[in-house]
């Protein structure tokens, strides 16, 4: 199974005297970048988590981590996470081993700057910008299409609260969602609409 792949290099840590398993260093660093990227790095704490992990695992095998990132379509997400730690948190030396000898994708700088502007207060939250960040953060076309489909069709809590349908009719939400998005983003913004 896909999840088992993540636990191949697990490590044991002691928490309160109890041994527990956690991801191996490379997979943990990748996970932190993918998780932050999935949420457009909307919480500064996630960047601090990545910074802490980079400090905790200075001997991480970056060639393995970049290979795993490529296999998971997440090279750009890793680049964005590392760029934000270097620029926003000012920890360039910590990030240097991870990007040594690599040329980061041109989108990495653009997306990192959009996210940094939000943290600096130069840019308010804008769903359209967040959508652009999410789509452009994904390396593979299939992942961009899957994300777009999820946004367009997957029911949102606001769809459910708008029309509280019985469980047997929940499939109607998949039709309602695109119609509601068209109404919200096209019809309501058309000049002359009441």
Protein backbone atom coordinates (compact mmCIF):
# COMPACT_ATOMS: atom_id res chain seq x y z
CA UNK A 1 0.00 0.00 0.00
CA UNK A 2 1.05 3.62 -0.57
CA UNK A 3 1.15 4.40 3.16
CA UNK A 4 3.57 1.53 3.87
CA UNK A 5 6.08 3.15 1.52
CA UNK A 6 6.34 6.09 3.93
CA UNK A 7 7.31 3.83 6.84
CA UNK A 8 10.16 1.98 5.12
CA UNK A 9 12.90 3.91 6.98
CA UNK A 10 11.01 4.59 10.19
CA UNK A 11 12.91 5.47 13.33
CA UNK A 12 12.18 4.95 17.00
CA UNK A 13 12.00 7.89 19.40
CA UNK A 14 11.30 8.00 23.12
CA UNK A 15 8.40 10.19 24.24
CA UNK A 16 7.99 10.21 28.01
CA UNK A 17 9.93 6.95 28.24
CA UNK A 18 7.67 5.23 25.72
CA UNK A 19 9.28 4.14 22.43
CA UNK A 20 7.29 5.28 19.39
CA UNK A 21 7.89 5.14 15.67
CA UNK A 22 8.14 8.16 13.43
CA UNK A 23 9.09 8.72 9.81
CA UNK A 24 12.73 8.49 8.80
CA UNK A 25 14.56 11.81 8.36
CA UNK A 26 14.15 12.12 4.58
CA UNK A 27 10.47 11.15 4.57
CA UNK A 28 9.75 13.42 7.53
CA UNK A 29 11.35 16.41 5.75
CA UNK A 30 9.39 15.57 2.60
CA UNK A 31 6.15 15.17 4.57
CA UNK A 32 6.60 18.54 6.28
CA UNK A 33 7.12 20.25 2.91
CA UNK A 34 4.15 18.48 1.33
CA UNK A 35 1.88 19.24 4.29
CA UNK A 36 2.84 22.91 4.37
CA UNK A 37 2.50 23.09 0.59
CA UNK A 38 -0.92 21.44 0.65
CA UNK A 39 -2.10 24.27 2.89
CA UNK A 40 -0.18 27.07 1.10
CA UNK A 41 1.99 27.44 4.22
CA UNK A 42 -0.89 29.28 5.88
CA UNK A 43 0.59 28.77 9.37
CA UNK A 44 4.01 30.08 10.30
CA UNK A 45 4.33 27.22 12.80
CA UNK A 46 4.64 24.74 9.92
CA UNK A 47 7.69 26.62 8.66
CA UNK A 48 9.19 26.51 12.16
CA UNK A 49 8.51 22.74 12.22
CA UNK A 50 10.45 22.37 8.97
CA UNK A 51 13.28 24.56 10.31
CA UNK A 52 13.44 22.45 13.49
CA UNK A 53 13.53 19.21 11.47
CA UNK A 54 16.33 20.59 9.30
CA UNK A 55 18.32 21.35 12.46
CA UNK A 56 17.50 17.95 13.96
CA UNK A 57 18.62 16.01 10.87
CA UNK A 58 21.72 17.79 9.53
CA UNK A 59 22.96 14.51 8.03
CA UNK A 60 19.77 13.87 6.03
CA UNK A 61 20.46 12.24 2.68
CA UNK A 62 19.28 14.97 0.33
CA UNK A 63 19.72 12.92 -2.83
CA UNK A 64 17.27 10.37 -1.36
CA UNK A 65 14.88 13.11 -0.23
CA UNK A 66 14.89 14.79 -3.68
CA UNK A 67 14.32 11.38 -5.33
CA UNK A 68 11.34 10.77 -3.04
CA UNK A 69 10.05 14.27 -3.80
CA UNK A 70 10.28 13.59 -7.54
CA UNK A 71 8.47 10.24 -7.13
CA UNK A 72 5.68 12.00 -5.21
CA UNK A 73 5.44 14.98 -7.57
CA UNK A 74 6.57 17.30 -4.78
CA UNK A 75 9.93 18.76 -5.84
CA UNK A 76 8.39 22.21 -6.16
CA UNK A 77 6.73 21.94 -2.71
CA UNK A 78 10.10 21.03 -1.18
CA UNK A 79 11.77 23.94 -2.99
CA UNK A 80 9.11 26.35 -1.71
CA UNK A 81 9.43 25.11 1.88
CA UNK A 82 13.21 25.42 1.81
CA UNK A 83 13.06 28.84 0.16
CA UNK A 84 10.65 30.11 2.81
CA UNK A 85 12.90 28.85 5.63
CA UNK A 86 15.86 30.58 3.97
CA UNK A 87 14.16 33.88 3.17
CA UNK A 88 11.30 34.33 5.62
CA UNK A 89 13.06 32.79 8.64
CA UNK A 90 16.50 33.98 7.48
CA UNK A 91 18.13 30.57 7.84
CA UNK A 92 20.03 30.29 4.54
CA UNK A 93 22.94 28.31 6.00
CA UNK A 94 20.59 25.65 7.32
CA UNK A 95 19.00 25.23 3.89
CA UNK A 96 22.26 25.35 1.91
CA UNK A 97 23.07 21.59 2.09
CA UNK A 98 19.58 20.73 0.82
CA UNK A 99 19.84 22.83 -2.33
CA UNK A 100 23.58 22.50 -3.00
CA UNK A 101 24.10 21.78 -6.69
CA UNK A 102 20.41 22.15 -7.55
CA UNK A 103 18.69 24.71 -9.72
CA UNK A 104 15.25 25.27 -8.27
CA UNK A 105 12.29 25.54 -10.61
CA UNK A 106 11.44 29.14 -11.58
CA UNK A 107 7.97 28.79 -10.05
CA UNK A 108 9.52 28.22 -6.62
CA UNK A 109 10.63 31.85 -6.24
CA UNK A 110 7.36 33.27 -7.54
CA UNK A 111 5.18 31.12 -5.29
CA UNK A 112 7.45 31.66 -2.27
CA UNK A 113 7.16 35.41 -2.72
CA UNK A 114 3.34 35.23 -2.87
CA UNK A 115 3.32 33.27 0.40
CA UNK A 116 5.91 35.56 2.03
CA UNK A 117 3.83 38.65 1.15
CA UNK A 118 0.90 37.18 3.05
CA UNK A 119 3.07 36.58 6.14
CA UNK A 120 4.47 40.11 5.95
CA UNK A 121 0.95 41.51 5.74
CA UNK A 122 1.45 42.91 2.22
CA UNK A 123 -1.19 40.58 0.79
CA UNK A 124 -4.52 39.67 2.36
CA UNK A 125 -5.94 36.18 1.95
CA UNK A 126 -7.43 35.83 -1.51
CA UNK A 127 -8.98 32.49 -2.55
CA UNK A 128 -7.97 33.07 -6.18
CA UNK A 129 -4.32 33.64 -5.23
CA UNK A 130 -4.44 30.60 -2.94
CA UNK A 131 -5.82 28.51 -5.81
CA UNK A 132 -2.98 29.72 -8.06
CA UNK A 133 -0.44 28.87 -5.35
CA UNK A 134 -1.93 25.40 -4.95
CA UNK A 135 -2.03 24.61 -8.67
CA UNK A 136 1.42 26.02 -9.39
CA UNK A 137 2.93 24.21 -6.36
CA UNK A 138 2.23 20.83 -7.94
CA UNK A 139 4.85 19.38 -10.28
CA UNK A 140 2.65 17.06 -12.31
CA UNK A 141 -0.26 17.94 -14.57
CA UNK A 142 -2.33 15.05 -13.19
CA UNK A 143 -1.94 16.46 -9.65
CA UNK A 144 -2.98 19.94 -10.83
CA UNK A 145 -6.04 18.48 -12.54
CA UNK A 146 -6.92 16.37 -9.48
CA UNK A 147 -6.67 19.44 -7.24
CA UNK A 148 -8.79 21.51 -9.64
CA UNK A 149 -11.40 18.76 -9.81
CA UNK A 150 -11.46 18.59 -6.01
CA UNK A 151 -12.08 22.35 -5.77
CA UNK A 152 -14.76 22.31 -8.46
CA UNK A 153 -16.69 19.19 -7.50
CA UNK A 154 -15.99 18.03 -3.96
CA UNK A 155 -18.76 19.22 -1.63
CA UNK A 156 -17.78 21.94 0.81
CA UNK A 157 -19.44 22.46 4.22
CA UNK A 158 -21.09 25.59 2.81
CA UNK A 159 -22.74 23.46 0.11
CA UNK A 160 -24.09 21.09 2.74
CA UNK A 161 -25.38 23.92 4.94
CA UNK A 162 -27.04 25.59 1.94
CA UNK A 163 -29.14 22.53 1.19
CA UNK A 164 -29.28 19.95 3.98
CA UNK A 165 -30.06 16.82 1.97
CA UNK A 166 -30.73 13.36 3.39
CA UNK A 167 -27.79 10.97 3.16
CA UNK A 168 -29.30 9.12 0.21
CA UNK A 169 -29.20 12.31 -1.89
CA UNK A 170 -25.64 13.43 -1.06
CA UNK A 171 -24.55 12.85 -4.66
CA UNK A 172 -26.61 15.95 -5.56
CA UNK A 173 -23.91 18.04 -3.81
CA UNK A 174 -21.52 17.13 -6.64
CA UNK A 175 -23.92 18.87 -9.06
CA UNK A 176 -24.70 21.71 -6.67
CA UNK A 177 -21.05 22.61 -6.04
CA UNK A 178 -20.15 23.68 -9.63
CA UNK A 179 -23.45 25.55 -9.97
CA UNK A 180 -22.86 27.41 -6.70
CA UNK A 181 -19.29 28.32 -7.77
CA UNK A 182 -20.54 29.68 -11.12
CA UNK A 183 -23.18 31.72 -9.28
CA UNK A 184 -20.69 33.04 -6.72
CA UNK A 185 -17.79 33.82 -9.07
CA UNK A 186 -19.42 34.65 -12.40
CA UNK A 187 -23.07 35.61 -12.17
CA UNK A 188 -22.85 37.69 -8.98
CA UNK A 189 -19.82 39.60 -10.31
CA UNK A 190 -21.42 40.39 -13.66
CA UNK A 191 -22.12 44.13 -13.97
CA UNK A 192 -25.83 44.89 -13.75
CA UNK A 193 -26.61 41.77 -11.70
CA UNK A 194 -29.01 42.55 -8.85
